[in-house]
Amino acid sequence: MFNQNKLTIPDLISVGVFTALYFVLVAVATFACALLPSVGNILLPAVAALISGSVYMLLVAKLQKFGGITIMGLVMGLFFFVSGHFVLSFAANIVCGLAADFIAAAGKFKSKKLLLASYVVFSYGLTGPILPLWFMKDAYIANLTARGKDAAYIDTLFAPINGGSFAASMIAILVCAVIGGLFGQKMMQKHFEKAGIVA
């Protein structure tokens, strides 16, 4: 089903480099979303998906082995977990990273359509830090209070949290990931050709 070759030390170094680049782009998205204090948190995964497609597609084109995408998801999940987010943030990145790896592997890392689908799924990993806003509200508030956040901050954070905003956030991730993924594939066209990646 997928390339059975094990990841080598150079492969792992490449994964580390691309994970670092992806992390930087997520940080850029975080700063951009901070300009929208009421809805910035729930828009972060979509904004990150919009600007990170090139890094993801280049990683796949260069590696073409199972495990790289999973490792990137694992590293991002660990970062969110150790930075004080709920365990759900860790789980979402792991599940989505592993699923994305399997999807890409189903096309032997050479199908543009499956790579795009893989990127979309991977992008949902960044919902880990925001899903508790909807599904673990009381625990989230308790966590914020313990970290010294005041009532005004908490009220602002939860003001847009409802069923409609959840649906809008999930749809925004889908749309932005498709756009970001297609843009990434367009930018990586020469690398794709060398790697034998086809439509």
N, C-alpha and C. Protein backbone atom coordinates (compact mmCIF):
# COMPACT_ATOMS: atom_id res chain seq x y z
N MET A 1 0.83 -1.21 0.00
CA MET A 1 0.00 0.00 0.00
C MET A 1 0.86 1.25 0.00
N PHE A 2 1.94 1.23 0.73
CA PHE A 2 2.79 2.42 0.77
C PHE A 2 4.25 2.01 0.78
N ASN A 3 5.07 3.00 0.56
CA ASN A 3 6.50 2.76 0.50
C ASN A 3 6.98 2.17 1.82
N GLN A 4 7.57 0.99 1.75
CA GLN A 4 7.98 0.30 2.96
C GLN A 4 9.36 0.75 3.44
N ASN A 5 10.05 1.58 2.66
CA ASN A 5 11.38 2.02 3.05
C ASN A 5 11.31 2.78 4.37
N LYS A 6 12.23 2.46 5.23
CA LYS A 6 12.26 3.13 6.53
C LYS A 6 12.88 4.51 6.37
N LEU A 7 12.48 5.40 7.28
CA LEU A 7 13.04 6.74 7.28
C LEU A 7 14.50 6.67 7.72
N THR A 8 15.36 7.32 6.97
CA THR A 8 16.78 7.37 7.30
C THR A 8 17.08 8.62 8.13
N ILE A 9 18.31 8.73 8.60
CA ILE A 9 18.71 9.92 9.35
C ILE A 9 18.53 11.19 8.51
N PRO A 10 18.99 11.20 7.24
CA PRO A 10 18.74 12.40 6.40
C PRO A 10 17.25 12.69 6.24
N ASP A 11 16.43 11.63 6.14
CA ASP A 11 14.98 11.82 6.04
C ASP A 11 14.46 12.52 7.29
N LEU A 12 14.91 12.06 8.45
CA LEU A 12 14.45 12.64 9.71
C LEU A 12 14.89 14.09 9.84
N ILE A 13 16.08 14.39 9.34
CA ILE A 13 16.55 15.78 9.35
C ILE A 13 15.65 16.64 8.47
N SER A 14 15.30 16.10 7.30
CA SER A 14 14.39 16.83 6.40
C SER A 14 13.04 17.06 7.06
N VAL A 15 12.52 16.04 7.72
CA VAL A 15 11.24 16.19 8.42
C VAL A 15 11.35 17.27 9.49
N GLY A 16 12.48 17.28 10.20
CA GLY A 16 12.70 18.30 11.22
C GLY A 16 12.71 19.70 10.64
N VAL A 17 13.37 19.86 9.50
CA VAL A 17 13.45 21.18 8.85
C VAL A 17 12.06 21.64 8.41
N PHE A 18 11.32 20.75 7.76
CA PHE A 18 10.00 21.14 7.27
C PHE A 18 9.01 21.35 8.42
N THR A 19 9.17 20.58 9.48
CA THR A 19 8.33 20.79 10.66
C THR A 19 8.60 22.16 11.26
N ALA A 20 9.87 22.55 11.30
CA ALA A 20 10.22 23.87 11.81
C ALA A 20 9.62 24.98 10.94
N LEU A 21 9.67 24.79 9.63
CA LEU A 21 9.07 25.77 8.71
C LEU A 21 7.56 25.84 8.91
N TYR A 22 6.95 24.68 9.06
CA TYR A 22 5.51 24.64 9.30
C TYR A 22 5.17 25.35 10.61
N PHE A 23 5.98 25.11 11.64
CA PHE A 23 5.77 25.75 12.93
C PHE A 23 5.84 27.27 12.78
N VAL A 24 6.82 27.76 12.02
CA VAL A 24 6.95 29.21 11.81
C VAL A 24 5.71 29.77 11.14
N LEU A 25 5.17 29.07 10.15
CA LEU A 25 3.97 29.55 9.46
C LEU A 25 2.76 29.53 10.39
N VAL A 26 2.67 28.53 11.26
CA VAL A 26 1.60 28.50 12.25
C VAL A 26 1.74 29.68 13.20
N ALA A 27 2.98 30.01 13.56
CA ALA A 27 3.22 31.16 14.43
C ALA A 27 2.81 32.46 13.74
N VAL A 28 3.11 32.57 12.44
CA VAL A 28 2.69 33.75 11.67
C VAL A 28 1.16 33.86 11.67
N ALA A 29 0.50 32.72 11.44
CA ALA A 29 -0.97 32.70 11.46
C ALA A 29 -1.51 33.10 12.83
N THR A 30 -0.81 32.66 13.88
CA THR A 30 -1.23 32.98 15.24
C THR A 30 -1.16 34.49 15.49
N PHE A 31 -0.07 35.11 15.06
CA PHE A 31 0.08 36.55 15.23
C PHE A 31 -0.97 37.30 14.41
N ALA A 32 -1.25 36.81 13.20
CA ALA A 32 -2.25 37.46 12.36
C ALA A 32 -3.64 37.37 13.00
N CYS A 33 -3.95 36.20 13.54
CA CYS A 33 -5.26 36.00 14.16
C CYS A 33 -5.40 36.77 15.47
N ALA A 34 -4.27 37.10 16.09
CA ALA A 34 -4.32 37.87 17.34
C ALA A 34 -4.88 39.26 17.11
N LEU A 35 -4.89 39.70 15.86
CA LEU A 35 -5.46 41.01 15.53
C LEU A 35 -6.98 40.97 15.57
N LEU A 36 -7.54 39.77 15.67
CA LEU A 36 -9.00 39.59 15.75
C LEU A 36 -9.31 38.86 17.06
N PRO A 37 -9.26 39.56 18.18
CA PRO A 37 -9.35 38.90 19.49
C PRO A 37 -10.62 38.10 19.73
N SER A 38 -11.72 38.47 19.12
CA SER A 38 -12.98 37.76 19.39
C SER A 38 -13.10 36.45 18.61
N VAL A 39 -12.53 36.40 17.41
CA VAL A 39 -12.68 35.20 16.57
C VAL A 39 -11.33 34.63 16.12
N GLY A 40 -10.25 35.26 16.53
CA GLY A 40 -8.92 34.85 16.07
C GLY A 40 -8.60 33.40 16.37
N ASN A 41 -8.93 32.94 17.58
CA ASN A 41 -8.62 31.57 17.97
C ASN A 41 -9.26 30.54 17.05
N ILE A 42 -10.53 30.76 16.74
CA ILE A 42 -11.24 29.76 15.95
C ILE A 42 -10.91 29.85 14.46
N LEU A 43 -10.29 30.97 14.05
CA LEU A 43 -9.87 31.10 12.65
C LEU A 43 -8.44 30.62 12.41
N LEU A 44 -7.70 30.41 13.49
CA LEU A 44 -6.28 30.05 13.36
C LEU A 44 -6.04 28.83 12.47
N PRO A 45 -6.74 27.70 12.67
CA PRO A 45 -6.46 26.53 11.81
C PRO A 45 -6.68 26.83 10.33
N ALA A 46 -7.70 27.62 10.01
CA ALA A 46 -7.99 27.95 8.62
C ALA A 46 -6.89 28.83 8.03
N VAL A 47 -6.46 29.83 8.76
CA VAL A 47 -5.41 30.72 8.28
C VAL A 47 -4.11 29.95 8.10
N ALA A 48 -3.77 29.10 9.05
CA ALA A 48 -2.56 28.28 8.94
C ALA A 48 -2.64 27.37 7.72
N ALA A 49 -3.80 26.78 7.49
CA ALA A 49 -3.98 25.90 6.33
C ALA A 49 -3.81 26.66 5.02
N LEU A 50 -4.21 27.90 5.02
CA LEU A 50 -4.14 28.72 3.81
C LEU A 50 -2.70 29.01 3.39
N ILE A 51 -1.80 29.17 4.38
CA ILE A 51 -0.44 29.62 4.06
C ILE A 51 0.62 28.52 4.14
N SER A 52 0.23 27.32 4.54
CA SER A 52 1.23 26.28 4.80
C SER A 52 1.30 25.18 3.74
N GLY A 53 0.50 25.28 2.71
CA GLY A 53 0.44 24.22 1.71
C GLY A 53 1.76 23.92 1.03
N SER A 54 2.54 24.96 0.75
CA SER A 54 3.80 24.75 0.03
C SER A 54 4.78 23.92 0.85
N VAL A 55 4.86 24.18 2.15
CA VAL A 55 5.76 23.43 3.02
C VAL A 55 5.37 21.96 3.06
N TYR A 56 4.07 21.72 3.20
CA TYR A 56 3.57 20.34 3.27
C TYR A 56 3.85 19.59 1.98
N MET A 57 3.53 20.22 0.86
CA MET A 57 3.71 19.56 -0.43
C MET A 57 5.19 19.31 -0.76
N LEU A 58 6.05 20.23 -0.35
CA LEU A 58 7.47 20.04 -0.60
C LEU A 58 8.03 18.90 0.25
N LEU A 59 7.56 18.80 1.49
CA LEU A 59 7.97 17.68 2.35
C LEU A 59 7.62 16.35 1.70
N VAL A 60 6.38 16.25 1.22
CA VAL A 60 5.94 15.00 0.60
C VAL A 60 6.74 14.69 -0.66
N ALA A 61 6.96 15.73 -1.49
CA ALA A 61 7.69 15.52 -2.75
C ALA A 61 9.11 15.05 -2.50
N LYS A 62 9.75 15.58 -1.48
CA LYS A 62 11.13 15.22 -1.20
C LYS A 62 11.25 13.88 -0.48
N LEU A 63 10.29 13.57 0.39
CA LEU A 63 10.40 12.37 1.22
C LEU A 63 9.81 11.13 0.55
N GLN A 64 8.54 11.22 0.20
CA GLN A 64 7.81 10.11 -0.41
C GLN A 64 7.95 8.81 0.38
N LYS A 65 7.90 8.92 1.69
CA LYS A 65 7.95 7.76 2.57
C LYS A 65 6.93 7.94 3.68
N PHE A 66 6.39 6.82 4.12
CA PHE A 66 5.43 6.87 5.22
C PHE A 66 6.14 7.21 6.53
N GLY A 67 5.54 8.09 7.29
CA GLY A 67 6.07 8.43 8.61
C GLY A 67 6.39 9.90 8.78
N GLY A 68 6.79 10.57 7.71
CA GLY A 68 7.16 11.97 7.82
C GLY A 68 6.00 12.87 8.24
N ILE A 69 4.85 12.67 7.63
CA ILE A 69 3.67 13.47 7.96
C ILE A 69 3.24 13.19 9.40
N THR A 70 3.29 11.93 9.77
CA THR A 70 2.91 11.55 11.14
C THR A 70 3.82 12.22 12.16
N ILE A 71 5.11 12.24 11.88
CA ILE A 71 6.06 12.86 12.80
C ILE A 71 5.79 14.35 12.93
N MET A 72 5.48 15.00 11.82
CA MET A 72 5.19 16.43 11.87
C MET A 72 3.96 16.70 12.73
N GLY A 73 2.94 15.87 12.58
CA GLY A 73 1.76 16.00 13.42
C GLY A 73 2.06 15.75 14.88
N LEU A 74 2.90 14.76 15.14
CA LEU A 74 3.29 14.43 16.51
C LEU A 74 4.01 15.59 17.18
N VAL A 75 4.95 16.18 16.46
CA VAL A 75 5.72 17.30 17.01
C VAL A 75 4.81 18.48 17.32
N MET A 76 3.90 18.79 16.41
CA MET A 76 2.98 19.90 16.64
C MET A 76 2.07 19.61 17.84
N GLY A 77 1.62 18.37 17.93
CA GLY A 77 0.77 17.99 19.06
C GLY A 77 1.51 18.12 20.38
N LEU A 78 2.76 17.67 20.41
CA LEU A 78 3.56 17.78 21.63
C LEU A 78 3.77 19.24 22.03
N PHE A 79 3.99 20.09 21.03
CA PHE A 79 4.17 21.51 21.33
C PHE A 79 2.93 22.09 22.00
N PHE A 80 1.77 21.81 21.42
CA PHE A 80 0.53 22.34 22.01
C PHE A 80 0.31 21.79 23.41
N PHE A 81 0.64 20.53 23.60
CA PHE A 81 0.41 19.90 24.90
C PHE A 81 1.31 20.51 25.97
N VAL A 82 2.60 20.63 25.66
CA VAL A 82 3.53 21.16 26.67
C VAL A 82 3.35 22.65 26.89
N SER A 83 2.68 23.33 25.96
CA SER A 83 2.45 24.76 26.12
C SER A 83 1.17 25.07 26.89
N GLY A 84 0.54 24.02 27.43
CA GLY A 84 -0.57 24.24 28.34
C GLY A 84 -1.95 23.93 27.78
N HIS A 85 -2.05 23.43 26.56
CA HIS A 85 -3.35 23.09 26.01
C HIS A 85 -3.80 21.72 26.53
N PHE A 86 -5.07 21.41 26.29
CA PHE A 86 -5.62 20.14 26.73
C PHE A 86 -5.04 18.98 25.93
N VAL A 87 -5.17 17.79 26.48
CA VAL A 87 -4.66 16.60 25.80
C VAL A 87 -5.32 16.41 24.45
N LEU A 88 -6.52 16.95 24.28
CA LEU A 88 -7.22 16.85 23.00
C LEU A 88 -6.39 17.47 21.88
N SER A 89 -5.62 18.52 22.19
CA SER A 89 -4.79 19.15 21.16
C SER A 89 -3.72 18.19 20.67
N PHE A 90 -3.20 17.39 21.57
CA PHE A 90 -2.20 16.38 21.22
C PHE A 90 -2.85 15.28 20.38
N ALA A 91 -4.02 14.81 20.82
CA ALA A 91 -4.69 13.71 20.14
C ALA A 91 -5.10 14.07 18.72
N ALA A 92 -5.62 15.27 18.54
CA ALA A 92 -6.09 15.69 17.21
C ALA A 92 -4.94 15.72 16.21
N ASN A 93 -3.80 16.23 16.62
CA ASN A 93 -2.65 16.28 15.72
C ASN A 93 -2.15 14.89 15.36
N ILE A 94 -2.15 13.99 16.33
CA ILE A 94 -1.70 12.63 16.07
C ILE A 94 -2.65 11.91 15.12
N VAL A 95 -3.93 11.96 15.42
CA VAL A 95 -4.92 11.28 14.59
C VAL A 95 -4.92 11.82 13.17
N CYS A 96 -4.93 13.14 13.03
CA CYS A 96 -4.98 13.74 11.70
C CYS A 96 -3.67 13.54 10.95
N GLY A 97 -2.54 13.60 11.67
CA GLY A 97 -1.26 13.37 11.02
C GLY A 97 -1.14 11.96 10.49
N LEU A 98 -1.54 10.99 11.30
CA LEU A 98 -1.47 9.59 10.88
C LEU A 98 -2.43 9.32 9.73
N ALA A 99 -3.65 9.85 9.84
CA ALA A 99 -4.63 9.65 8.76
C ALA A 99 -4.14 10.29 7.46
N ALA A 100 -3.54 11.48 7.56
CA ALA A 100 -3.03 12.16 6.38
C ALA A 100 -1.91 11.35 5.73
N ASP A 101 -1.07 10.74 6.55
CA ASP A 101 0.02 9.91 6.04
C ASP A 101 -0.53 8.71 5.26
N PHE A 102 -1.56 8.07 5.81
CA PHE A 102 -2.17 6.92 5.14
C PHE A 102 -2.83 7.32 3.82
N ILE A 103 -3.47 8.49 3.82
CA ILE A 103 -4.13 8.96 2.59
C ILE A 103 -3.09 9.21 1.50
N ALA A 104 -2.01 9.89 1.86
CA ALA A 104 -0.94 10.15 0.89
C ALA A 104 -0.32 8.84 0.42
N ALA A 105 -0.14 7.90 1.35
CA ALA A 105 0.46 6.61 1.01
C ALA A 105 -0.43 5.79 0.10
N ALA A 106 -1.74 5.99 0.19
CA ALA A 106 -2.67 5.24 -0.66
C ALA A 106 -2.41 5.52 -2.13
N GLY A 107 -1.90 6.72 -2.42
CA GLY A 107 -1.53 7.05 -3.80
C GLY A 107 -0.04 6.95 -4.01
N LYS A 108 0.65 6.23 -3.10
CA LYS A 108 2.11 6.05 -3.15
C LYS A 108 2.83 7.39 -3.20
N PHE A 109 2.22 8.41 -2.58
CA PHE A 109 2.77 9.76 -2.49
C PHE A 109 2.98 10.39 -3.86
N LYS A 110 2.22 9.92 -4.86
CA LYS A 110 2.38 10.41 -6.22
C LYS A 110 1.08 10.92 -6.83
N SER A 111 -0.01 10.86 -6.08
CA SER A 111 -1.30 11.33 -6.59
C SER A 111 -1.60 12.73 -6.05
N LYS A 112 -1.71 13.71 -6.93
CA LYS A 112 -1.98 15.07 -6.49
C LYS A 112 -3.31 15.15 -5.74
N LYS A 113 -4.30 14.42 -6.21
CA LYS A 113 -5.62 14.47 -5.58
C LYS A 113 -5.56 13.94 -4.15
N LEU A 114 -4.88 12.82 -3.98
CA LEU A 114 -4.77 12.24 -2.64
C LEU A 114 -3.86 13.08 -1.74
N LEU A 115 -2.85 13.71 -2.32
CA LEU A 115 -1.99 14.58 -1.53
C LEU A 115 -2.78 15.80 -1.04
N LEU A 116 -3.66 16.29 -1.90
CA LEU A 116 -4.51 17.42 -1.50
C LEU A 116 -5.46 16.99 -0.38
N ALA A 117 -6.07 15.82 -0.54
CA ALA A 117 -6.95 15.30 0.51
C ALA A 117 -6.17 15.08 1.81
N SER A 118 -4.94 14.61 1.66
CA SER A 118 -4.08 14.38 2.81
C SER A 118 -3.82 15.70 3.55
N TYR A 119 -3.55 16.76 2.80
CA TYR A 119 -3.28 18.06 3.42
C TYR A 119 -4.51 18.60 4.13
N VAL A 120 -5.66 18.41 3.53
CA VAL A 120 -6.91 18.85 4.17
C VAL A 120 -7.08 18.17 5.52
N VAL A 121 -6.90 16.86 5.53
CA VAL A 121 -7.04 16.11 6.79
C VAL A 121 -6.00 16.56 7.80
N PHE A 122 -4.75 16.71 7.36
CA PHE A 122 -3.69 17.16 8.26
C PHE A 122 -4.02 18.51 8.88
N SER A 123 -4.61 19.38 8.10
CA SER A 123 -4.92 20.74 8.58
C SER A 123 -5.91 20.73 9.73
N TYR A 124 -6.74 19.72 9.80
CA TYR A 124 -7.70 19.63 10.90
C TYR A 124 -7.01 19.27 12.22
N GLY A 125 -5.75 18.87 12.16
CA GLY A 125 -5.02 18.61 13.39
C GLY A 125 -4.91 19.84 14.27
N LEU A 126 -4.88 21.03 13.63
CA LEU A 126 -4.77 22.27 14.39
C LEU A 126 -6.06 22.66 15.10
N THR A 127 -7.10 21.85 14.94
CA THR A 127 -8.33 22.12 15.70
C THR A 127 -8.18 21.66 17.15
N GLY A 128 -7.14 20.89 17.43
CA GLY A 128 -6.94 20.38 18.79
C GLY A 128 -7.04 21.45 19.87
N PRO A 129 -6.33 22.58 19.72
CA PRO A 129 -6.38 23.61 20.76
C PRO A 129 -7.72 24.33 20.87
N ILE A 130 -8.55 24.29 19.81
CA ILE A 130 -9.80 25.05 19.87
C ILE A 130 -11.03 24.19 20.12
N LEU A 131 -10.96 22.90 19.87
CA LEU A 131 -12.13 22.05 20.10
C LEU A 131 -12.65 22.11 21.54
N PRO A 132 -11.78 22.23 22.55
CA PRO A 132 -12.29 22.34 23.93
C PRO A 132 -13.17 23.57 24.16
N LEU A 133 -13.03 24.59 23.32
CA LEU A 133 -13.88 25.77 23.46
C LEU A 133 -15.35 25.39 23.34
N TRP A 134 -15.63 24.44 22.47
CA TRP A 134 -17.01 24.00 22.27
C TRP A 134 -17.38 22.79 23.13
N PHE A 135 -16.44 21.88 23.33
CA PHE A 135 -16.78 20.60 23.93
C PHE A 135 -16.29 20.40 25.36
N MET A 136 -15.45 21.31 25.84
CA MET A 136 -14.95 21.21 27.22
C MET A 136 -14.92 22.60 27.85
N LYS A 137 -16.04 23.31 27.72
CA LYS A 137 -16.08 24.72 28.12
C LYS A 137 -15.71 24.92 29.59
N ASP A 138 -16.35 24.18 30.49
CA ASP A 138 -16.11 24.37 31.92
C ASP A 138 -14.65 24.11 32.28
N ALA A 139 -14.10 23.02 31.74
CA ALA A 139 -12.71 22.69 32.02
C ALA A 139 -11.78 23.74 31.44
N TYR A 140 -12.13 24.27 30.27
CA TYR A 140 -11.31 25.28 29.63
C TYR A 140 -11.30 26.56 30.46
N ILE A 141 -12.47 26.95 30.95
CA ILE A 141 -12.56 28.15 31.78
C ILE A 141 -11.76 27.98 33.06
N ALA A 142 -11.87 26.80 33.66
CA ALA A 142 -11.12 26.52 34.89
C ALA A 142 -9.62 26.61 34.63
N ASN A 143 -9.19 26.11 33.48
CA ASN A 143 -7.78 26.16 33.12
C ASN A 143 -7.31 27.60 32.93
N LEU A 144 -8.13 28.41 32.25
CA LEU A 144 -7.77 29.81 32.04
C LEU A 144 -7.72 30.57 33.36
N THR A 145 -8.67 30.30 34.23
CA THR A 145 -8.70 30.97 35.53
C THR A 145 -7.46 30.62 36.34
N ALA A 146 -7.07 29.34 36.29
CA ALA A 146 -5.88 28.91 37.01
C ALA A 146 -4.62 29.56 36.47
N ARG A 147 -4.66 29.94 35.18
CA ARG A 147 -3.51 30.60 34.56
C ARG A 147 -3.55 32.12 34.72
N GLY A 148 -4.54 32.61 35.49
CA GLY A 148 -4.60 34.03 35.81
C GLY A 148 -5.36 34.90 34.84
N LYS A 149 -6.11 34.30 33.93
CA LYS A 149 -6.90 35.09 32.97
C LYS A 149 -8.13 35.67 33.68
N ASP A 150 -8.44 36.95 33.38
CA ASP A 150 -9.58 37.59 34.05
C ASP A 150 -10.89 37.29 33.32
N ALA A 151 -11.98 37.70 33.95
CA ALA A 151 -13.31 37.40 33.42
C ALA A 151 -13.54 38.06 32.06
N ALA A 152 -13.00 39.26 31.89
CA ALA A 152 -13.19 39.98 30.63
C ALA A 152 -12.56 39.21 29.47
N TYR A 153 -11.37 38.70 29.70
CA TYR A 153 -10.68 37.91 28.67
C TYR A 153 -11.49 36.66 28.34
N ILE A 154 -11.96 35.97 29.36
CA ILE A 154 -12.71 34.74 29.15
C ILE A 154 -14.01 35.01 28.42
N ASP A 155 -14.70 36.10 28.79
CA ASP A 155 -15.95 36.46 28.11
C ASP A 155 -15.71 36.75 26.63
N THR A 156 -14.62 37.46 26.33
CA THR A 156 -14.29 37.77 24.94
C THR A 156 -13.98 36.51 24.15
N LEU A 157 -13.25 35.60 24.79
CA LEU A 157 -12.86 34.35 24.14
C LEU A 157 -14.07 33.50 23.78
N PHE A 158 -15.04 33.45 24.69
CA PHE A 158 -16.19 32.57 24.48
C PHE A 158 -17.37 33.25 23.81
N ALA A 159 -17.28 34.53 23.54
CA ALA A 159 -18.40 35.26 22.92
C ALA A 159 -18.86 34.63 21.60
N PRO A 160 -17.92 34.22 20.71
CA PRO A 160 -18.38 33.66 19.43
C PRO A 160 -18.61 32.15 19.45
N ILE A 161 -18.49 31.52 20.60
CA ILE A 161 -18.56 30.06 20.66
C ILE A 161 -20.00 29.57 20.70
N ASN A 162 -20.43 29.00 19.58
CA ASN A 162 -21.77 28.41 19.47
C ASN A 162 -21.75 27.43 18.30
N GLY A 163 -22.89 26.82 18.06
CA GLY A 163 -22.96 25.82 16.99
C GLY A 163 -22.62 26.39 15.63
N GLY A 164 -23.08 27.61 15.37
CA GLY A 164 -22.83 28.23 14.08
C GLY A 164 -21.35 28.50 13.85
N SER A 165 -20.67 28.98 14.89
CA SER A 165 -19.24 29.28 14.74
C SER A 165 -18.43 28.00 14.58
N PHE A 166 -18.89 26.91 15.19
CA PHE A 166 -18.19 25.63 15.02
C PHE A 166 -18.27 25.18 13.56
N ALA A 167 -19.47 25.23 13.00
CA ALA A 167 -19.65 24.83 11.60
C ALA A 167 -18.84 25.73 10.67
N ALA A 168 -18.89 27.04 10.94
CA ALA A 168 -18.15 27.99 10.10
C ALA A 168 -16.65 27.74 10.17
N SER A 169 -16.16 27.43 11.37
CA SER A 169 -14.73 27.17 11.54
C SER A 169 -14.31 25.92 10.77
N MET A 170 -15.09 24.87 10.86
CA MET A 170 -14.75 23.62 10.17
C MET A 170 -14.80 23.79 8.65
N ILE A 171 -15.78 24.53 8.16
CA ILE A 171 -15.90 24.78 6.72
C ILE A 171 -14.75 25.66 6.25
N ALA A 172 -14.39 26.65 7.05
CA ALA A 172 -13.29 27.55 6.70
C ALA A 172 -11.98 26.78 6.56
N ILE A 173 -11.76 25.81 7.45
CA ILE A 173 -10.55 24.99 7.36
C ILE A 173 -10.54 24.21 6.05
N LEU A 174 -11.67 23.62 5.71
CA LEU A 174 -11.78 22.85 4.46
C LEU A 174 -11.45 23.72 3.26
N VAL A 175 -12.09 24.87 3.17
CA VAL A 175 -11.90 25.76 2.02
C VAL A 175 -10.46 26.26 1.95
N CYS A 176 -9.94 26.71 3.08
CA CYS A 176 -8.58 27.27 3.11
C CYS A 176 -7.53 26.20 2.85
N ALA A 177 -7.77 24.98 3.34
CA ALA A 177 -6.81 23.90 3.10
C ALA A 177 -6.78 23.51 1.63
N VAL A 178 -7.94 23.49 0.99
CA VAL A 178 -7.99 23.19 -0.44
C VAL A 178 -7.24 24.27 -1.23
N ILE A 179 -7.51 25.53 -0.91
CA ILE A 179 -6.84 26.63 -1.60
C ILE A 179 -5.34 26.59 -1.33
N GLY A 180 -4.97 26.43 -0.06
CA GLY A 180 -3.56 26.39 0.30
C GLY A 180 -2.85 25.20 -0.30
N GLY A 181 -3.52 24.05 -0.34
CA GLY A 181 -2.93 22.86 -0.92
C GLY A 181 -2.73 22.97 -2.42
N LEU A 182 -3.73 23.51 -3.11
CA LEU A 182 -3.62 23.70 -4.56
C LEU A 182 -2.52 24.70 -4.88
N PHE A 183 -2.45 25.76 -4.08
CA PHE A 183 -1.38 26.76 -4.29
C PHE A 183 -0.02 26.11 -4.05
N GLY A 184 0.07 25.30 -3.01
CA GLY A 184 1.32 24.60 -2.72
C GLY A 184 1.73 23.68 -3.85
N GLN A 185 0.76 22.97 -4.42
CA GLN A 185 1.07 22.08 -5.53
C GLN A 185 1.53 22.86 -6.76
N LYS A 186 0.89 24.00 -6.98
CA LYS A 186 1.29 24.85 -8.11
C LYS A 186 2.71 25.35 -7.93
N MET A 187 3.03 25.78 -6.70
CA MET A 187 4.37 26.30 -6.41
C MET A 187 5.43 25.20 -6.51
N MET A 188 5.03 23.97 -6.20
CA MET A 188 5.98 22.86 -6.17
C MET A 188 5.97 22.05 -7.46
N GLN A 189 5.42 22.59 -8.53
CA GLN A 189 5.25 21.83 -9.76
C GLN A 189 6.55 21.20 -10.25
N LYS A 190 7.64 21.94 -10.25
CA LYS A 190 8.91 21.40 -10.73
C LYS A 190 9.39 20.24 -9.85
N HIS A 191 9.21 20.39 -8.54
CA HIS A 191 9.61 19.31 -7.62
C HIS A 191 8.73 18.09 -7.83
N PHE A 192 7.45 18.33 -8.10
CA PHE A 192 6.51 17.23 -8.34
C PHE A 192 6.90 16.45 -9.59
N GLU A 193 7.28 17.19 -10.62
CA GLU A 193 7.66 16.53 -11.88
C GLU A 193 8.89 15.64 -11.67
N LYS A 194 9.85 16.16 -10.92
CA LYS A 194 11.06 15.37 -10.66
C LYS A 194 10.74 14.13 -9.82
N ALA A 195 9.75 14.28 -8.92
CA ALA A 195 9.40 13.18 -8.03
C ALA A 195 8.42 12.21 -8.66
N GLY A 196 7.96 12.52 -9.87
CA GLY A 196 7.01 11.63 -10.54
C GLY A 196 5.60 11.72 -10.05
N ILE A 197 5.25 12.84 -9.40
CA ILE A 197 3.90 13.03 -8.88
C ILE A 197 2.98 13.48 -10.00
N VAL A 198 1.84 12.82 -10.13
CA VAL A 198 0.91 13.09 -11.22
C VAL A 198 -0.47 13.45 -10.67
N ALA A 199 -1.30 13.94 -11.57
CA ALA A 199 -2.65 14.36 -11.17
C ALA A 199 -3.48 13.19 -10.68
